[in-house]
Amino acid sequence: MFLKTLEVAIGVVFLYLLLTFVASAILEGIAILFNWRAKTLYQTIDLMLQGVPRVSVQKVYRNPMVRALGRNASRVSRLNLVERLGWHESRTRIAPSYIPPAVFSAAVLDILLPKPVNKDALSPEGYIKALRERVAGQQQSNGLLSILRTTLITQGPSIQAVRLAIEKWFNDSMDRASGWYKRRTQVWLLSIGLLIAFGGHVDTIGISQWLWSGDAARQAALAAAQSYAGKNNAAPAATPTEADLKKYFGDVANQIGDLDRRITDLQYPVGWYDAAHDYKPREWSWQFVLGALITAIAISMGSTFWFDALQSLIKLRGAGPKPDGR
């Protein structure tokens, strides 16, 4: 009984993994089209620099070091989508989705400090002196000035300490932004999961009952899950962000086609027409609604979670006693 329950769980989890892989790829495509990462980065830096005299997010993004991280809009102009839907600095440059902490700190100090007029001012001591004067001349308080004051008091005349303090502030802010971005994508992933579950009639309860009552179906799903886990040592990731969106969506189309072939070959009871009974239309029921909601919630948990779960279940089955004939 325990082994049979475990095999059913493996079959269900394997289906979840296939569905979440495609859902994550679709979500990544939406994020690319709307340039979510670049927008989140821009908004986070804007919040960090609010109230800071002389320094603003616009000036940071106009800094040559930051501009160099942007993408050339001409590479995706064929689709004419990213430039219109995503945030962009100009018609020819698309804002970066990532800025290294060292580049951010260098850009902020480049804007904050006056340009050196002689070689003495160009030295670390000259920059520290100018920075002290700049900080001392400000009466109001904000995040950047507080960090600069604290660092100059506790670390002494070290421009490297100042840069490291700004970089730590930037990293801490990016950690919070990652949390915002994750919550945002979680909502979208749940929405995609609802579309897949209800649009494709993916009923977790019905699939579990089908696996429990059909020995051949259960063993086929188990064999496919074991084969997949054996060939893949790491969780599948969504296709990386690419400037060429045509290639990206071509990859997604291939993934969806591969998913359809796997589910068709294993004959999971999904879809609104029952292939096993002359494509008889399936009916709505409270079981289907509950089962589809379970499926949608499972999809929102992501492919990494279900890949780890699949590996754990397969190892658990392998460690347990084998029934006769298997």
Protein backbone atom coordinates (compact mmCIF):
# COMPACT_ATOMS: atom_id res chain seq x y z
CA MET A 1 0.00 0.00 0.00
CA PHE A 2 2.81 2.42 0.90
CA LEU A 3 4.71 1.65 -2.32
CA LYS A 4 1.58 2.12 -4.43
CA THR A 5 0.87 5.48 -2.75
CA LEU A 6 4.47 6.52 -3.40
CA GLU A 7 4.20 5.60 -7.08
CA VAL A 8 1.01 7.62 -7.44
CA ALA A 9 2.73 10.59 -5.82
CA ILE A 10 5.67 10.24 -8.22
CA GLY A 11 3.29 10.21 -11.20
CA VAL A 12 1.47 13.32 -10.01
CA VAL A 13 4.67 15.18 -9.14
CA PHE A 14 6.17 14.34 -12.54
CA LEU A 15 3.13 15.89 -14.23
CA TYR A 16 3.47 18.97 -12.00
CA LEU A 17 7.10 19.26 -13.04
CA LEU A 18 6.25 19.21 -16.74
CA LEU A 19 3.53 21.82 -16.26
CA THR A 20 5.61 24.14 -14.09
CA PHE A 21 8.51 24.01 -16.53
CA VAL A 22 6.35 25.38 -19.34
CA ALA A 23 4.54 27.84 -17.03
CA SER A 24 7.90 29.23 -15.90
CA ALA A 25 9.04 29.57 -19.51
CA ILE A 26 5.86 31.48 -20.39
CA LEU A 27 6.32 33.71 -17.35
CA GLU A 28 9.91 34.42 -18.38
CA GLY A 29 8.65 35.45 -21.81
CA ILE A 30 6.19 37.90 -20.23
CA ALA A 31 8.98 39.29 -18.05
CA ILE A 32 11.14 39.83 -21.14
CA LEU A 33 8.39 41.55 -23.10
CA PHE A 34 7.58 43.96 -20.30
CA ASN A 35 11.19 44.31 -19.13
CA TRP A 36 10.22 43.61 -15.52
CA ARG A 37 13.75 43.16 -14.22
CA ALA A 38 14.96 46.46 -15.65
CA LYS A 39 11.89 48.26 -14.32
CA THR A 40 12.29 46.75 -10.85
CA LEU A 41 15.97 47.72 -10.79
CA TYR A 42 15.19 51.28 -11.90
CA GLN A 43 12.40 51.71 -9.32
CA THR A 44 14.58 50.33 -6.52
CA ILE A 45 17.44 52.72 -7.28
CA ASP A 46 14.94 55.57 -7.53
CA LEU A 47 13.70 54.79 -4.00
CA MET A 48 17.27 54.54 -2.71
CA LEU A 49 18.25 57.96 -4.03
CA GLN A 50 15.11 59.92 -3.17
CA GLY A 51 16.02 63.05 -1.24
CA VAL A 52 19.72 62.86 -2.12
CA PRO A 53 20.98 66.23 -3.40
CA ARG A 54 22.82 66.18 -6.74
CA VAL A 55 22.34 62.43 -7.18
CA SER A 56 19.29 60.93 -8.91
CA VAL A 57 18.37 57.72 -10.67
CA GLN A 58 18.38 59.57 -14.00
CA LYS A 59 21.96 60.72 -13.48
CA VAL A 60 23.05 57.22 -12.47
CA TYR A 61 21.55 55.75 -15.65
CA ARG A 62 23.21 58.44 -17.77
CA ASN A 63 26.60 57.56 -16.33
CA PRO A 64 28.76 55.97 -19.06
CA MET A 65 29.53 52.91 -16.88
CA VAL A 66 25.83 52.17 -16.45
CA ARG A 67 24.90 53.02 -20.04
CA ALA A 68 27.45 50.47 -21.22
CA LEU A 69 25.44 47.74 -19.47
CA GLY A 70 22.34 48.50 -21.53
CA ARG A 71 21.27 46.54 -24.54
CA ASN A 72 21.18 47.72 -28.12
CA ALA A 73 17.54 48.16 -29.06
CA SER A 74 18.29 47.47 -32.72
CA ARG A 75 18.76 43.74 -31.98
CA VAL A 76 15.07 43.33 -31.04
CA SER A 77 13.59 46.07 -33.23
CA ARG A 78 12.23 43.39 -35.58
CA LEU A 79 9.49 42.59 -33.08
CA ASN A 80 8.95 46.24 -32.10
CA LEU A 81 7.69 45.12 -28.68
CA VAL A 82 10.34 45.58 -26.00
CA GLU A 83 10.99 49.19 -26.93
CA ARG A 84 7.30 50.07 -26.73
CA LEU A 85 6.30 47.98 -23.72
CA GLY A 86 9.45 48.01 -21.59
CA TRP A 87 11.20 50.92 -19.88
CA HIS A 88 13.95 52.33 -22.04
CA GLU A 89 16.32 55.26 -21.68
CA SER A 90 16.33 56.17 -25.34
CA ARG A 91 15.32 54.89 -28.74
CA THR A 92 18.64 53.14 -29.18
CA ARG A 93 19.41 51.78 -25.69
CA ILE A 94 17.37 49.49 -23.43
CA ALA A 95 17.99 49.86 -19.70
CA PRO A 96 20.07 47.11 -18.04
CA SER A 97 18.36 44.47 -15.93
CA TYR A 98 21.41 44.15 -13.67
CA ILE A 99 24.02 46.62 -12.38
CA PRO A 100 27.09 45.30 -10.49
CA PRO A 101 27.45 46.85 -7.01
CA ALA A 102 30.94 48.16 -7.88
CA VAL A 103 29.57 49.98 -10.93
CA PHE A 104 26.75 51.51 -8.88
CA SER A 105 29.08 52.80 -6.15
CA ALA A 106 31.50 54.21 -8.74
CA ALA A 107 28.66 55.95 -10.59
CA VAL A 108 27.26 57.47 -7.38
CA LEU A 109 30.65 58.79 -6.27
CA ASP A 110 31.37 60.08 -9.77
CA ILE A 111 28.16 62.13 -9.62
CA LEU A 112 28.48 63.16 -5.99
CA LEU A 113 32.08 64.35 -6.00
CA PRO A 114 33.35 67.39 -7.92
CA LYS A 115 35.62 66.77 -10.88
CA PRO A 116 39.30 67.05 -9.83
CA VAL A 117 41.09 70.20 -10.93
CA ASN A 118 44.65 69.04 -10.09
CA LYS A 119 46.54 65.84 -9.37
CA ASP A 120 46.30 66.36 -5.57
CA ALA A 121 42.51 66.35 -5.78
CA LEU A 122 42.70 63.16 -7.86
CA SER A 123 44.29 61.22 -4.96
CA PRO A 124 42.26 59.12 -2.47
CA GLU A 125 42.98 61.72 0.21
CA GLY A 126 41.69 64.46 -2.09
CA TYR A 127 38.48 62.56 -2.75
CA ILE A 128 37.95 61.89 0.97
CA LYS A 129 38.42 65.59 1.72
CA ALA A 130 35.90 66.55 -0.96
CA LEU A 131 33.49 63.91 0.30
CA ARG A 132 33.72 65.21 3.89
CA GLU A 133 32.98 68.72 2.67
CA ARG A 134 30.04 67.48 0.62
CA VAL A 135 28.55 65.54 3.54
CA ALA A 136 29.15 68.35 6.04
CA GLY A 137 27.32 70.80 3.81
CA GLN A 138 24.07 68.81 3.88
CA GLN A 139 21.57 69.39 6.66
CA GLN A 140 18.85 66.91 5.73
CA SER A 141 19.20 63.18 6.24
CA ASN A 142 18.76 60.39 3.69
CA GLY A 143 20.02 56.86 3.18
CA LEU A 144 23.13 57.70 1.18
CA LEU A 145 24.29 60.57 3.40
CA SER A 146 23.71 58.51 6.55
CA ILE A 147 25.88 55.72 5.15
CA LEU A 148 28.60 58.17 4.11
CA ARG A 149 28.64 59.93 7.50
CA THR A 150 28.76 56.65 9.42
CA THR A 151 31.50 55.21 7.23
CA LEU A 152 33.69 58.32 7.41
CA ILE A 153 33.37 58.35 11.21
CA THR A 154 33.91 54.65 11.84
CA GLN A 155 36.29 53.68 9.00
CA GLY A 156 38.44 56.81 8.75
CA PRO A 157 39.79 58.35 5.53
CA SER A 158 39.35 55.30 3.29
CA ILE A 159 37.69 55.71 -0.09
CA GLN A 160 37.62 51.91 -0.40
CA ALA A 161 35.59 51.66 2.82
CA VAL A 162 33.17 54.23 1.42
CA ARG A 163 32.72 52.24 -1.78
CA LEU A 164 32.23 48.99 0.11
CA ALA A 165 29.59 50.65 2.32
CA ILE A 166 27.68 51.90 -0.72
CA GLU A 167 27.92 48.47 -2.34
CA LYS A 168 26.56 46.78 0.80
CA TRP A 169 23.67 49.26 0.85
CA PHE A 170 23.01 48.48 -2.80
CA ASN A 171 23.11 44.70 -2.21
CA ASP A 172 20.73 44.96 0.75
CA SER A 173 18.31 47.01 -1.35
CA MET A 174 18.53 44.50 -4.20
CA ASP A 175 17.72 41.67 -1.76
CA ARG A 176 14.50 43.47 -0.83
CA ALA A 177 13.76 44.13 -4.50
CA SER A 178 14.22 40.42 -5.21
CA GLY A 179 11.52 39.72 -2.63
CA TRP A 180 9.16 42.18 -4.35
CA TYR A 181 9.92 40.66 -7.73
CA LYS A 182 9.38 37.12 -6.44
CA ARG A 183 5.98 38.01 -4.97
CA ARG A 184 4.99 39.64 -8.25
CA THR A 185 6.01 36.65 -10.33
CA GLN A 186 4.32 34.29 -7.85
CA VAL A 187 0.98 35.96 -8.56
CA TRP A 188 1.56 35.70 -12.30
CA LEU A 189 2.65 32.08 -12.01
CA LEU A 190 -0.57 31.28 -10.14
CA SER A 191 -2.57 33.01 -12.87
CA ILE A 192 -0.80 30.99 -15.56
CA GLY A 193 -1.41 27.87 -13.46
CA LEU A 194 -5.13 28.61 -13.34
CA LEU A 195 -5.23 28.99 -17.13
CA ILE A 196 -3.37 25.71 -17.63
CA ALA A 197 -5.41 23.79 -15.04
CA PHE A 198 -8.86 24.95 -16.11
CA GLY A 199 -8.08 25.43 -19.80
CA GLY A 200 -6.46 22.00 -20.06
CA HIS A 201 -8.79 20.21 -17.61
CA VAL A 202 -5.87 19.13 -15.39
CA ASP A 203 -7.62 17.63 -12.37
CA THR A 204 -5.18 16.46 -9.69
CA ILE A 205 -7.85 14.39 -7.92
CA GLY A 206 -8.94 12.65 -11.11
CA ILE A 207 -5.34 12.01 -12.19
CA SER A 208 -4.53 10.53 -8.77
CA GLN A 209 -7.52 8.20 -8.99
CA TRP A 210 -6.50 7.21 -12.52
CA LEU A 211 -2.96 6.37 -11.41
CA TRP A 212 -4.23 4.46 -8.37
CA SER A 213 -6.63 2.25 -10.33
CA GLY A 214 -4.43 1.65 -13.38
CA ASP A 215 -1.30 -0.43 -12.75
CA ALA A 216 -0.03 -0.04 -16.31
CA ALA A 217 -0.53 3.74 -16.27
CA ARG A 218 1.16 4.05 -12.91
CA GLN A 219 4.17 2.01 -13.99
CA ALA A 220 4.49 3.97 -17.24
CA ALA A 221 4.46 7.27 -15.37
CA LEU A 222 6.95 5.90 -12.84
CA ALA A 223 9.32 4.74 -15.58
CA ALA A 224 9.13 8.10 -17.35
CA ALA A 225 9.78 9.99 -14.10
CA GLN A 226 12.75 7.76 -13.23
CA SER A 227 14.18 8.18 -16.73
CA TYR A 228 13.82 11.95 -16.58
CA ALA A 229 15.35 12.21 -13.12
CA GLY A 230 18.24 9.97 -14.15
CA LYS A 231 19.08 12.13 -17.16
CA ASN A 232 18.75 15.49 -15.37
CA ASN A 233 20.88 16.22 -12.33
CA ALA A 234 19.74 19.83 -11.93
CA ALA A 235 16.35 21.46 -11.89
CA PRO A 236 15.18 22.75 -15.27
CA ALA A 237 15.43 26.50 -15.57
CA ALA A 238 13.41 28.80 -17.75
CA THR A 239 15.16 29.85 -20.93
CA PRO A 240 17.60 32.65 -20.07
CA THR A 241 16.77 36.23 -20.98
CA GLU A 242 17.81 36.82 -24.58
CA ALA A 243 17.85 39.89 -26.80
CA ASP A 244 16.53 37.79 -29.68
CA LEU A 245 12.94 37.20 -28.60
CA LYS A 246 12.13 35.17 -31.71
CA LYS A 247 14.63 32.54 -30.62
CA TYR A 248 13.25 32.62 -27.06
CA PHE A 249 9.65 32.02 -28.09
CA GLY A 250 10.79 29.37 -30.54
CA ASP A 251 12.39 27.57 -27.60
CA VAL A 252 9.18 27.94 -25.57
CA ALA A 253 7.14 26.50 -28.45
CA ASN A 254 9.48 23.50 -28.58
CA GLN A 255 9.11 23.02 -24.81
CA ILE A 256 5.32 23.11 -25.05
CA GLY A 257 5.43 20.61 -27.91
CA ASP A 258 7.69 18.33 -25.86
CA LEU A 259 5.30 18.61 -22.90
CA ASP A 260 2.35 17.68 -25.10
CA ARG A 261 4.18 14.62 -26.45
CA ARG A 262 5.14 13.43 -22.97
CA ILE A 263 1.59 13.77 -21.61
CA THR A 264 0.10 12.18 -24.73
CA ASP A 265 2.51 9.24 -24.60
CA LEU A 266 1.73 8.64 -20.93
CA GLN A 267 -2.02 9.07 -21.62
CA TYR A 268 -2.66 11.28 -18.60
CA PRO A 269 -6.42 12.00 -18.40
CA VAL A 270 -6.15 15.71 -19.21
CA GLY A 271 -7.96 17.86 -21.75
CA TRP A 272 -11.66 18.55 -22.23
CA TYR A 273 -12.14 15.54 -24.50
CA ASP A 274 -11.56 11.99 -23.26
CA ALA A 275 -9.38 10.24 -25.84
CA ALA A 276 -9.90 6.89 -24.11
CA HIS A 277 -13.68 7.07 -24.72
CA ASP A 278 -14.02 8.28 -28.33
CA TYR A 279 -13.17 11.85 -27.30
CA LYS A 280 -16.27 12.19 -25.18
CA PRO A 281 -16.48 15.72 -23.69
CA ARG A 282 -15.61 15.87 -20.02
CA GLU A 283 -18.08 17.54 -17.66
CA TRP A 284 -17.68 20.15 -14.97
CA SER A 285 -17.90 18.89 -11.41
CA TRP A 286 -16.94 20.03 -7.93
CA GLN A 287 -14.18 17.43 -7.96
CA PHE A 288 -12.76 18.96 -11.15
CA VAL A 289 -12.90 22.50 -9.73
CA LEU A 290 -11.11 21.41 -6.54
CA GLY A 291 -8.61 19.28 -8.47
CA ALA A 292 -7.86 22.10 -10.91
CA LEU A 293 -7.31 24.55 -8.05
CA ILE A 294 -4.85 22.10 -6.49
CA THR A 295 -3.07 21.86 -9.85
CA ALA A 296 -2.86 25.66 -10.20
CA ILE A 297 -1.44 26.06 -6.70
CA ALA A 298 1.08 23.31 -7.43
CA ILE A 299 2.19 25.06 -10.63
CA SER A 300 2.71 28.32 -8.72
CA MET A 301 5.30 26.58 -6.53
CA GLY A 302 7.74 26.41 -9.44
CA SER A 303 9.73 23.75 -11.25
CA THR A 304 12.66 23.75 -8.81
CA PHE A 305 10.40 22.71 -5.93
CA TRP A 306 8.84 19.84 -7.88
CA PHE A 307 12.15 18.68 -9.33
CA ASP A 308 13.57 18.36 -5.80
CA ALA A 309 10.37 16.63 -4.67
CA LEU A 310 10.56 14.17 -7.57
CA GLN A 311 14.19 13.33 -6.80
CA SER A 312 13.36 12.79 -3.12
CA LEU A 313 10.38 10.54 -3.87
CA ILE A 314 12.36 8.43 -6.33
CA LYS A 315 15.18 8.01 -3.81
CA LEU A 316 12.63 7.07 -1.14
CA ARG A 317 11.11 4.44 -3.40
CA GLY A 318 14.56 3.11 -4.29
CA ALA A 319 15.45 2.78 -0.61
CA GLY A 320 12.27 0.91 0.26
CA PRO A 321 11.51 -2.80 -0.15
CA LYS A 322 10.80 -4.04 -3.70
CA PRO A 323 7.67 -6.08 -4.23
CA ASP A 324 7.88 -9.48 -5.94
CA GLY A 325 8.23 -9.31 -9.69
CA ARG A 326 9.63 -5.76 -9.80
